[in-house]
C-alpha atoms as a PDB file:
ATOM      1  CA  MET A   1     -33.465  -2.055 -12.401  1.00  0.00           C
ATOM      2  CA  ASN A   2     -34.517  -3.871  -9.473  1.00  0.00           C
ATOM      3  CA  GLY A   3     -33.068  -3.769  -5.970  1.00  0.00           C
ATOM      4  CA  TYR A   4     -30.681  -6.712  -6.451  1.00  0.00           C
ATOM      5  CA  LYS A   5     -29.115  -5.505  -9.723  1.00  0.00           C
ATOM      6  CA  ASN A   6     -28.542  -2.084  -7.857  1.00  0.00           C
ATOM      7  CA  LYS A   7     -26.691  -3.983  -4.767  1.00  0.00           C
ATOM      8  CA  TYR A   8     -24.654  -6.018  -7.167  1.00  0.00           C
ATOM      9  CA  LEU A   9     -23.717  -3.202  -9.305  1.00  0.00           C
ATOM     10  CA  GLN A  10     -22.651  -1.166  -6.064  1.00  0.00           C
ATOM     11  CA  CYS A  11     -20.149  -4.142  -5.347  1.00  0.00           C
ATOM     12  CA  VAL A  12     -18.764  -4.496  -8.760  1.00  0.00           C
ATOM     13  CA  VAL A  13     -18.004  -0.951  -8.857  1.00  0.00           C
ATOM     14  CA  LYS A  14     -16.203  -1.082  -5.512  1.00  0.00           C
ATOM     15  CA  SER A  15     -14.297  -3.992  -6.878  1.00  0.00           C
ATOM     16  CA  ALA A  16     -13.387  -2.785 -10.145  1.00  0.00           C
ATOM     17  CA  LEU A  17     -11.984   0.669  -8.367  1.00  0.00           C
ATOM     18  CA  LEU A  18      -9.948  -1.704  -6.104  1.00  0.00           C
ATOM     19  CA  THR A  19      -8.735  -3.547  -9.054  1.00  0.00           C
ATOM     20  CA  THR A  20      -7.777  -0.211 -10.827  1.00  0.00           C
ATOM     21  CA  ILE A  21      -5.951   0.985  -7.874  1.00  0.00           C
ATOM     22  CA  CYS A  22      -3.936  -2.062  -7.441  1.00  0.00           C
ATOM     23  CA  LEU A  23      -2.820  -1.991 -11.249  1.00  0.00           C
ATOM     24  CA  LEU A  24      -1.864   1.825 -11.032  1.00  0.00           C
ATOM     25  CA  PHE A  25      -0.112   2.087  -7.865  1.00  0.00           C
ATOM     26  CA  SER A  26       2.125   0.099  -5.912  1.00  0.00           C
ATOM     27  CA  ALA A  27       3.457   0.451  -2.673  1.00  0.00           C
ATOM     28  CA  SER A  28       7.300   1.435  -2.032  1.00  0.00           C
ATOM     29  CA  ALA A  29       9.118   0.630   1.096  1.00  0.00           C
ATOM     30  CA  PHE A  30      10.591   3.674   2.932  1.00  0.00           C
ATOM     31  CA  SER A  31      14.311   3.582   3.724  1.00  0.00           C
ATOM     32  CA  HIS A  32      16.259   5.766   6.372  1.00  0.00           C
ATOM     33  CA  GLY A  33      19.248   5.106   4.367  1.00  0.00           C
ATOM     34  CA  ASP A  34      22.329   6.357   6.166  1.00  0.00           C
ATOM     35  CA  LEU A  35      20.270   8.903   8.532  1.00  0.00           C
ATOM     36  CA  SER A  36      21.579   7.050  11.610  1.00  0.00           C
ATOM     37  CA  ILE A  37      25.170   7.405  10.593  1.00  0.00           C
ATOM     38  CA  ARG A  38      24.644  11.004   9.997  1.00  0.00           C
ATOM     39  CA  ILE A  39      22.966  11.549  13.271  1.00  0.00           C
ATOM     40  CA  GLU A  40      26.224  10.044  15.100  1.00  0.00           C
ATOM     41  CA  LYS A  41      28.419  12.161  13.047  1.00  0.00           C
ATOM     42  CA  LYS A  42      26.259  15.346  13.913  1.00  0.00           C
ATOM     43  CA  THR A  43      26.383  14.539  17.707  1.00  0.00           C
ATOM     44  CA  ALA A  44      30.098  14.059  17.499  1.00  0.00           C
ATOM     45  CA  GLU A  45      30.167  17.621  16.051  1.00  0.00           C
ATOM     46  CA  ILE A  46      27.914  19.023  18.806  1.00  0.00           C
ATOM     47  CA  LEU A  47      30.237  17.510  21.388  1.00  0.00           C
ATOM     48  CA  LYS A  48      33.016  19.505  19.925  1.00  0.00           C
ATOM     49  CA  HIS A  49      31.103  22.589  19.751  1.00  0.00           C
ATOM     50  CA  PRO A  50      28.219  22.396  21.972  1.00  0.00           C
ATOM     51  CA  THR A  51      27.117  26.115  22.033  1.00  0.00           C
ATOM     52  CA  ASN A  52      26.655  26.027  18.220  1.00  0.00           C
ATOM     53  CA  PRO A  53      23.107  26.536  17.475  1.00  0.00           C
ATOM     54  CA  GLU A  54      23.166  25.665  14.056  1.00  0.00           C
ATOM     55  CA  LEU A  55      24.526  21.916  14.773  1.00  0.00           C
ATOM     56  CA  TYR A  56      21.468  21.506  17.106  1.00  0.00           C
ATOM     57  CA  PHE A  57      19.326  22.675  14.183  1.00  0.00           C
ATOM     58  CA  GLU A  58      21.075  20.142  11.624  1.00  0.00           C
ATOM     59  CA  ARG A  59      20.803  17.337  13.819  1.00  0.00           C
ATOM     60  CA  GLY A  60      17.024  18.082  14.738  1.00  0.00           C
ATOM     61  CA  LEU A  61      16.312  18.048  11.097  1.00  0.00           C
ATOM     62  CA  LEU A  62      17.825  14.623  10.833  1.00  0.00           C
ATOM     63  CA  TYR A  63      15.925  13.165  13.701  1.00  0.00           C
ATOM     64  CA  GLN A  64      12.892  14.501  11.970  1.00  0.00           C
ATOM     65  CA  GLN A  65      13.694  12.686   8.755  1.00  0.00           C
ATOM     66  CA  HIS A  66      14.310   9.715  11.048  1.00  0.00           C
ATOM     67  CA  ILE A  67      10.828  10.097  12.387  1.00  0.00           C
ATOM     68  CA  GLU A  68      12.109  10.620  16.190  1.00  0.00           C
ATOM     69  CA  TYR A  69      10.001  13.576  16.691  1.00  0.00           C
ATOM     70  CA  THR A  70      10.861  14.081  20.570  1.00  0.00           C
ATOM     71  CA  LYS A  71      14.517  14.296  19.876  1.00  0.00           C
ATOM     72  CA  ALA A  72      13.820  16.421  16.908  1.00  0.00           C
ATOM     73  CA  TYR A  73      11.962  19.126  18.930  1.00  0.00           C
ATOM     74  CA  ASN A  74      14.562  19.121  22.057  1.00  0.00           C
ATOM     75  CA  ASP A  75      17.068  19.932  19.359  1.00  0.00           C
ATOM     76  CA  TYR A  76      15.226  22.723  17.820  1.00  0.00           C
ATOM     77  CA  LEU A  77      14.463  23.972  21.254  1.00  0.00           C
ATOM     78  CA  LYS A  78      18.163  24.126  22.102  1.00  0.00           C
ATOM     79  CA  SER A  79      19.032  25.614  18.846  1.00  0.00           C
ATOM     80  CA  GLU A  80      16.541  28.625  19.613  1.00  0.00           C
ATOM     81  CA  SER A  81      17.868  28.986  23.066  1.00  0.00           C
ATOM     82  CA  LEU A  82      20.961  29.158  21.705  1.00  0.00           C
ATOM     83  CA  GLY A  83      20.045  32.256  19.661  1.00  0.00           C
ATOM     84  CA  ASN A  84      18.729  30.649  16.491  1.00  0.00           C
ATOM     85  CA  THR A  85      16.163  33.198  15.232  1.00  0.00           C
ATOM     86  CA  ASN A  86      16.301  31.960  11.319  1.00  0.00           C
ATOM     87  CA  LYS A  87      12.927  31.319   9.594  1.00  0.00           C
ATOM     88  CA  ALA A  88      14.287  27.888   8.710  1.00  0.00           C
ATOM     89  CA  LEU A  89      14.038  26.740  12.502  1.00  0.00           C
ATOM     90  CA  LYS A  90      10.689  28.462  12.979  1.00  0.00           C
ATOM     91  CA  TYR A  91       9.544  26.624   9.999  1.00  0.00           C
ATOM     92  CA  ARG A  92      10.828  23.130  11.056  1.00  0.00           C
ATOM     93  CA  MET A  93       9.281  23.557  14.411  1.00  0.00           C
ATOM     94  CA  ALA A  94       5.948  24.460  12.766  1.00  0.00           C
ATOM     95  CA  GLU A  95       6.289  21.515  10.474  1.00  0.00           C
ATOM     96  CA  LEU A  96       7.066  19.151  13.282  1.00  0.00           C
ATOM     97  CA  GLN A  97       3.866  20.259  15.304  1.00  0.00           C
ATOM     98  CA  TYR A  98       1.894  19.692  12.328  1.00  0.00           C
ATOM     99  CA  LEU A  99       3.136  16.058  11.701  1.00  0.00           C
ATOM    100  CA  THR A 100       2.645  15.530  15.724  1.00  0.00           C
ATOM    101  CA  GLU A 101      -0.983  16.692  15.079  1.00  0.00           C
ATOM    102  CA  ASP A 102      -0.503  19.653  17.526  1.00  0.00           C
ATOM    103  CA  TYR A 103      -2.303  22.076  15.317  1.00  0.00           C
ATOM    104  CA  ASN A 104      -2.898  24.653  17.433  1.00  0.00           C
ATOM    105  CA  LYS A 105       1.023  25.019  18.362  1.00  0.00           C
ATOM    106  CA  ALA A 106       1.789  24.578  14.619  1.00  0.00           C
ATOM    107  CA  LEU A 107      -0.411  27.459  13.736  1.00  0.00           C
ATOM    108  CA  LYS A 108       1.634  29.942  16.232  1.00  0.00           C
ATOM    109  CA  ALA A 109       4.687  28.631  15.152  1.00  0.00           C
ATOM    110  CA  ILE A 110       3.795  29.241  11.306  1.00  0.00           C
ATOM    111  CA  ILE A 111       2.297  32.811  12.046  1.00  0.00           C
ATOM    112  CA  SER A 112       5.783  33.579  13.761  1.00  0.00           C
ATOM    113  CA  CYS A 113       7.463  32.122  10.604  1.00  0.00           C
ATOM    114  CA  LEU A 114       5.171  34.384   8.447  1.00  0.00           C
ATOM    115  CA  GLU A 115       6.347  37.437  10.424  1.00  0.00           C
ATOM    116  CA  ILE A 116       9.645  37.047   8.885  1.00  0.00           C
ATOM    117  CA  ASP A 117       8.326  36.527   5.497  1.00  0.00           C
ATOM    118  CA  LYS A 118       4.822  36.502   4.658  1.00  0.00           C
ATOM    119  CA  THR A 119       5.267  35.853   0.790  1.00  0.00           C
ATOM    120  CA  ASP A 120       7.254  32.415   1.309  1.00  0.00           C
ATOM    121  CA  VAL A 121       5.257  29.930  -0.782  1.00  0.00           C
ATOM    122  CA  LYS A 122       6.454  26.944   1.140  1.00  0.00           C
ATOM    123  CA  THR A 123       5.375  28.562   4.360  1.00  0.00           C
ATOM    124  CA  LYS A 124       2.142  29.518   3.182  1.00  0.00           C
ATOM    125  CA  LYS A 125       1.246  26.026   2.064  1.00  0.00           C
ATOM    126  CA  LEU A 126       2.103  24.599   5.462  1.00  0.00           C
ATOM    127  CA  GLU A 127      -0.151  27.560   6.804  1.00  0.00           C
ATOM    128  CA  ALA A 128      -2.903  26.238   4.659  1.00  0.00           C
ATOM    129  CA  GLN A 129      -2.413  22.740   5.608  1.00  0.00           C
ATOM    130  CA  ILE A 130      -2.613  23.598   9.356  1.00  0.00           C
ATOM    131  CA  TYR A 131      -6.026  25.670   8.679  1.00  0.00           C
ATOM    132  CA  TYR A 132      -7.265  22.576   6.920  1.00  0.00           C
ATOM    133  CA  GLN A 133      -6.684  20.361   9.943  1.00  0.00           C
ATOM    134  CA  LEU A 134      -8.146  22.975  12.260  1.00  0.00           C
ATOM    135  CA  LYS A 135     -11.301  23.157   9.989  1.00  0.00           C
ATOM    136  CA  SER A 136     -10.699  26.626   9.108  1.00  0.00           C
ATOM    137  CA  TYR A 137     -11.491  26.127   5.471  1.00  0.00           C
ATOM    138  CA  LYS A 138     -11.892  29.603   4.395  1.00  0.00           C
ATOM    139  CA  LYS A 139      -8.394  30.711   5.703  1.00  0.00           C
ATOM    140  CA  ALA A 140      -7.170  27.439   4.400  1.00  0.00           C
ATOM    141  CA  LEU A 141      -8.373  28.135   0.699  1.00  0.00           C
ATOM    142  CA  GLU A 142      -7.308  31.663   0.814  1.00  0.00           C
ATOM    143  CA  ALA A 143      -3.515  30.618   1.969  1.00  0.00           C
ATOM    144  CA  TYR A 144      -3.607  27.795  -0.779  1.00  0.00           C
ATOM    145  CA  ARG A 145      -4.865  30.128  -3.627  1.00  0.00           C
ATOM    146  CA  TYR A 146      -1.662  32.248  -2.840  1.00  0.00           C
ATOM    147  CA  VAL A 147       0.423  28.983  -3.182  1.00  0.00           C
ATOM    148  CA  MET A 148      -1.142  28.007  -6.326  1.00  0.00           C
ATOM    149  CA  THR A 149      -0.727  31.477  -7.833  1.00  0.00           C
ATOM    150  CA  HIS A 150       2.749  31.768  -6.707  1.00  0.00           C
ATOM    151  CA  MET A 151       4.245  28.227  -6.826  1.00  0.00           C
ATOM    152  CA  THR A 152       6.804  27.750  -9.606  1.00  0.00           C
ATOM    153  CA  ASP A 153       7.432  23.909  -9.153  1.00  0.00           C
ATOM    154  CA  ILE A 154       3.739  22.731  -9.024  1.00  0.00           C
ATOM    155  CA  ARG A 155       3.095  19.075  -8.515  1.00  0.00           C
ATOM    156  CA  PRO A 156      -0.005  16.852  -9.034  1.00  0.00           C
ATOM    157  CA  GLU A 157      -0.277  16.342  -5.243  1.00  0.00           C
ATOM    158  CA  ASP A 158      -0.538  19.907  -5.165  1.00  0.00           C
ATOM    159  CA  VAL A 159      -3.335  20.362  -7.275  1.00  0.00           C
ATOM    160  CA  LEU A 160      -5.455  17.437  -5.511  1.00  0.00           C
ATOM    161  CA  GLU A 161      -4.869  19.221  -2.256  1.00  0.00           C
ATOM    162  CA  TYR A 162      -5.775  22.236  -3.395  1.00  0.00           C
ATOM    163  CA  SER A 163      -9.001  21.002  -4.923  1.00  0.00           C
ATOM    164  CA  ASP A 164      -9.672  19.159  -1.600  1.00  0.00           C
ATOM    165  CA  ILE A 165      -9.604  22.159   0.200  1.00  0.00           C
ATOM    166  CA  ILE A 166     -11.991  23.853  -2.160  1.00  0.00           C
ATOM    167  CA  LEU A 167     -14.670  21.332  -1.559  1.00  0.00           C
ATOM    168  CA  ALA A 168     -14.061  21.265   2.087  1.00  0.00           C
ATOM    169  CA  GLU A 169     -14.909  24.691   2.156  1.00  0.00           C
ATOM    170  CA  ASP A 170     -17.871  24.316   0.039  1.00  0.00           C
ATOM    171  CA  ASN A 171     -18.848  20.620  -0.656  1.00  0.00           C
ATOM    172  CA  LYS A 172     -20.982  21.395  -3.867  1.00  0.00           C
ATOM    173  CA  ASN A 173     -18.284  23.525  -5.291  1.00  0.00           C
ATOM    174  CA  TYR A 174     -17.067  21.134  -8.027  1.00  0.00           C
ATOM    175  CA  ARG A 175     -17.079  23.851 -10.711  1.00  0.00           C
ATOM    176  CA  GLU A 176     -13.952  25.539  -8.862  1.00  0.00           C
ATOM    177  CA  ALA A 177     -12.558  22.086  -8.038  1.00  0.00           C
ATOM    178  CA  LEU A 178     -12.711  21.120 -11.801  1.00  0.00           C
ATOM    179  CA  THR A 179     -11.220  24.474 -12.622  1.00  0.00           C
ATOM    180  CA  ALA A 180      -8.173  23.787 -10.465  1.00  0.00           C
ATOM    181  CA  ILE A 181      -7.852  20.413 -11.997  1.00  0.00           C
ATOM    182  CA  THR A 182      -7.960  21.750 -15.396  1.00  0.00           C
ATOM    183  CA  ALA A 183      -5.438  24.357 -14.672  1.00  0.00           C
ATOM    184  CA  GLY A 184      -3.285  21.639 -13.012  1.00  0.00           C
ATOM    185  CA  LEU A 185      -3.695  19.656 -16.288  1.00  0.00           C
ATOM    186  CA  THR A 186      -2.511  22.688 -18.238  1.00  0.00           C
ATOM    187  CA  LYS A 187       0.716  23.302 -16.239  1.00  0.00           C
ATOM    188  CA  LEU A 188       1.625  19.829 -15.495  1.00  0.00           C
ATOM    189  CA  GLY A 189       0.562  18.142 -18.851  1.00  0.00           C
ATOM    190  CA  PRO A 190      -2.856  16.735 -20.398  1.00  0.00           C
ATOM    191  CA  ASN A 191      -1.813  13.057 -19.224  1.00  0.00           C
ATOM    192  CA  THR A 192      -1.261  13.602 -15.682  1.00  0.00           C
ATOM    193  CA  LEU A 193      -2.940  10.537 -14.550  1.00  0.00           C
ATOM    194  CA  SER A 194      -3.627  11.386 -10.851  1.00  0.00           C
ATOM    195  CA  LEU A 195      -5.301  14.365 -12.128  1.00  0.00           C
ATOM    196  CA  GLN A 196      -7.185  12.951 -14.905  1.00  0.00           C
ATOM    197  CA  LEU A 197      -8.494  10.288 -12.381  1.00  0.00           C
ATOM    198  CA  LYS A 198      -9.533  12.934 -10.025  1.00  0.00           C
ATOM    199  CA  LYS A 199     -11.575  14.814 -12.847  1.00  0.00           C
ATOM    200  CA  LEU A 200     -13.497  11.676 -13.296  1.00  0.00           C
ATOM    201  CA  ASP A 201     -14.409  11.520  -9.810  1.00  0.00           C
ATOM    202  CA  TYR A 202     -15.540  15.003  -9.612  1.00  0.00           C
ATOM    203  CA  LEU A 203     -17.503  14.915 -12.969  1.00  0.00           C
ATOM    204  CA  ILE A 204     -19.265  11.619 -11.443  1.00  0.00           C
ATOM    205  CA  ALA A 205     -19.961  13.247  -8.028  1.00  0.00           C
ATOM    206  CA  SER A 206     -21.421  16.351  -9.873  1.00  0.00           C
ATOM    207  CA  ASN A 207     -23.664  14.320 -12.140  1.00  0.00           C
ATOM    208  CA  GLN A 208     -22.244  15.471 -15.305  1.00  0.00           C
ATOM    209  CA  THR A 209     -23.038  12.598 -17.211  1.00  0.00           C
ATOM    210  CA  GLU A 210     -21.921  13.447 -20.714  1.00  0.00           C
ATOM    211  CA  ASP A 211     -18.652  14.702 -19.438  1.00  0.00           C
ATOM    212  CA  VAL A 212     -18.073  11.421 -17.493  1.00  0.00           C
ATOM    213  CA  ILE A 213     -18.632   9.424 -20.667  1.00  0.00           C
ATOM    214  CA  LYS A 214     -16.128  11.731 -22.422  1.00  0.00           C
ATOM    215  CA  GLN A 215     -13.899  11.054 -19.710  1.00  0.00           C
ATOM    216  CA  TYR A 216     -14.239   7.386 -19.753  1.00  0.00           C
ATOM    217  CA  ASP A 217     -13.429   7.620 -23.519  1.00  0.00           C
ATOM    218  CA  TYR A 218      -9.950   9.722 -22.951  1.00  0.00           C
ATOM    219  CA  PHE A 219      -8.808   6.820 -20.621  1.00  0.00           C
ATOM    220  CA  ILE A 220     -10.003   4.295 -23.411  1.00  0.00           C
ATOM    221  CA  LEU A 221      -8.289   6.168 -25.956  1.00  0.00           C
ATOM    222  CA  LYS A 222      -5.197   7.021 -23.988  1.00  0.00           C
ATOM    223  CA  TYR A 223      -4.146   3.570 -22.576  1.00  0.00           C
ATOM    224  CA  LYS A 224      -3.265   0.466 -24.354  1.00  0.00           C
ATOM    225  CA  ARG A 225      -5.055  -1.545 -21.471  1.00  0.00           C
ATOM    226  CA  LYS A 226      -8.642  -0.654 -22.320  1.00  0.00           C
ATOM    227  CA  GLU A 227     -10.490  -3.631 -21.080  1.00  0.00           C
ATOM    228  CA  PHE A 228     -10.948  -2.150 -17.313  1.00  0.00           C
ATOM    229  CA  TRP A 229     -12.136   1.114 -18.636  1.00  0.00           C
ATOM    230  CA  TYR A 230     -14.704  -0.296 -21.045  1.00  0.00           C
ATOM    231  CA  TYR A 231     -16.021  -2.286 -18.285  1.00  0.00           C
ATOM    232  CA  LYS A 232     -16.043   0.669 -15.822  1.00  0.00           C
ATOM    233  CA  LYS A 233     -17.837   2.716 -18.415  1.00  0.00           C
ATOM    234  CA  ALA A 234     -20.386  -0.101 -19.074  1.00  0.00           C
ATOM    235  CA  LEU A 235     -21.149   0.054 -15.060  1.00  0.00           C
ATOM    236  CA  TYR A 236     -21.591   3.969 -15.192  1.00  0.00           C
ATOM    237  CA  LEU A 237     -23.851   3.541 -18.290  1.00  0.00           C
ATOM    238  CA  ILE A 238     -26.031   0.912 -16.726  1.00  0.00           C
ATOM    239  CA  GLN A 239     -26.276   3.033 -13.354  1.00  0.00           C
ATOM    240  CA  ASN A 240     -27.576   6.076 -15.846  1.00  0.00           C
ATOM    241  CA  ASN A 241     -30.110   3.855 -17.515  1.00  0.00           C
ATOM    242  CA  ASN A 242     -28.416   3.322 -20.831  1.00  0.00           C
ATOM    243  CA  PRO A 243     -28.165  -0.289 -21.277  1.00  0.00           C
ATOM    244  CA  GLU A 244     -27.764  -0.480 -25.031  1.00  0.00           C
ATOM    245  CA  ALA A 245     -24.696   1.733 -24.679  1.00  0.00           C
ATOM    246  CA  ALA A 246     -23.407  -0.455 -21.842  1.00  0.00           C
ATOM    247  CA  ASN A 247     -23.891  -3.504 -23.756  1.00  0.00           C
ATOM    248  CA  ILE A 248     -21.571  -2.182 -26.328  1.00  0.00           C
ATOM    249  CA  SER A 249     -19.020  -1.263 -23.991  1.00  0.00           C
ATOM    250  CA  LEU A 250     -19.045  -4.703 -22.389  1.00  0.00           C
ATOM    251  CA  LYS A 251     -18.607  -6.354 -26.023  1.00  0.00           C
ATOM    252  CA  LEU A 252     -15.632  -3.906 -26.581  1.00  0.00           C
ATOM    253  CA  ALA A 253     -14.018  -4.739 -23.247  1.00  0.00           C
ATOM    254  CA  ILE A 254     -14.391  -8.771 -24.251  1.00  0.00           C
ATOM    255  CA  ILE A 255     -12.828  -7.897 -27.659  1.00  0.00           C
ATOM    256  CA  SER A 256      -9.903  -5.917 -25.707  1.00  0.00           C
ATOM    257  CA  ILE A 257      -9.262  -8.789 -23.508  1.00  0.00           C
ATOM    258  CA  GLU A 258      -9.117 -11.150 -26.891  1.00  0.00           C
ATOM    259  CA  GLN A 259      -6.574  -9.025 -28.136  1.00  0.00           C
ATOM    260  CA  LEU A 260      -4.267  -9.532 -25.264  1.00  0.00           C
ATOM    261  CA  ASP A 261      -1.078 -11.556 -25.068  1.00  0.00           C
ATOM    262  CA  THR A 262      -1.586 -15.172 -23.570  1.00  0.00           C
ATOM    263  CA  LYS A 263       0.249 -14.152 -20.392  1.00  0.00           C
ATOM    264  CA  PHE A 264      -2.089 -11.436 -19.738  1.00  0.00           C
ATOM    265  CA  LYS A 265      -4.994 -13.329 -20.428  1.00  0.00           C
ATOM    266  CA  ASN A 266      -4.315 -15.936 -17.743  1.00  0.00           C
ATOM    267  CA  MET A 267      -3.668 -13.241 -14.961  1.00  0.00           C
ATOM    268  CA  ASP A 268      -6.276 -13.575 -12.287  1.00  0.00           C
ATOM    269  CA  SER A 269      -7.375  -9.939 -12.566  1.00  0.00           C
ATOM    270  CA  ILE A 270      -8.373 -10.510 -16.194  1.00  0.00           C
ATOM    271  CA  ILE A 271     -10.084 -13.792 -15.443  1.00  0.00           C
ATOM    272  CA  GLU A 272     -11.947 -12.207 -12.795  1.00  0.00           C
ATOM    273  CA  LEU A 273     -12.819  -9.479 -15.173  1.00  0.00           C
ATOM    274  CA  LYS A 274     -14.116 -11.951 -17.708  1.00  0.00           C
ATOM    275  CA  ASN A 275     -16.249 -13.310 -14.941  1.00  0.00           C
ATOM    276  CA  GLN A 276     -17.763  -9.813 -13.960  1.00  0.00           C
ATOM    277  CA  ILE A 277     -18.470  -9.081 -17.755  1.00  0.00           C
ATOM    278  CA  LYS A 278     -20.503 -12.191 -18.138  1.00  0.00           C
ATOM    279  CA  THR A 279     -22.281 -11.460 -15.129  1.00  0.00           C
ATOM    280  CA  LEU A 280     -23.025  -8.003 -15.917  1.00  0.00           C
ATOM    281  CA  GLU A 281     -24.259  -9.053 -19.359  1.00  0.00           C
ATOM    282  CA  ASN A 282     -26.549 -11.669 -17.819  1.00  0.00           C
ATOM    283  CA  LEU A 283     -28.071  -8.875 -15.732  1.00  0.00           C
ATOM    284  CA  LEU A 284     -28.423  -6.563 -18.772  1.00  0.00           C
ATOM    285  CA  HIS A 285     -30.396  -9.502 -20.802  1.00  0.00           C
ATOM    286  CA  ASN A 286     -32.661 -10.277 -17.824  1.00  0.00           C
END
């Protein structure tokens, strides 16, 4: 395939990925709700009981949720000065320093927290995240392995974060990263979309061509809207010098589009996809 085709394919791959992201995910606005009112009420309580360390801690947490980090930290320090030595306070101070990207102070705080309870999963997770930001990947991986072994309410984002740390520690260790994704799919269900998408990414990055094709077939079989997956599979097949199979995948993409309701056929994304398919077919036949 000549240089022009390669450049074109790189562009359409990026376009297809962006289209998929837009279809699968939508931004949601974050609301502070009644936090301001709760802060006012907590402040009124503090005026009545100015030496109560728990009240300062509680208001500090509200300030943190309200993204007023300086006020939150001042309240945490006040709570500590009034005698609060609870693990919860030390954890929140570490978390706040993590959020404000003061990772060295965050590490000291989380170590202090772990001295109280070295087995707490939530604390170990924050420890791993701090070590990751400090580029201490081996320590981050060790801590996160503990989290993945002991966490009872695992979420997809935990699995994704763990696999990211695996590859940060060794950028060629796709075997272990894929093992983590597979374990996550076993725990959370085989149709967890974010994990299946990441699995596809890792298979492509590690040049596991046959498994990549199987992964595309998974998406094609699983989802009713198959046209984009057929198209992206065709792109991958072309990049891997399999034009005949790519041509079949493009024809199936066209058939899938023809089977859509009229309202979907008239969507800008579908019209654009049809143009991309036509362009790609022309490249294949030239």
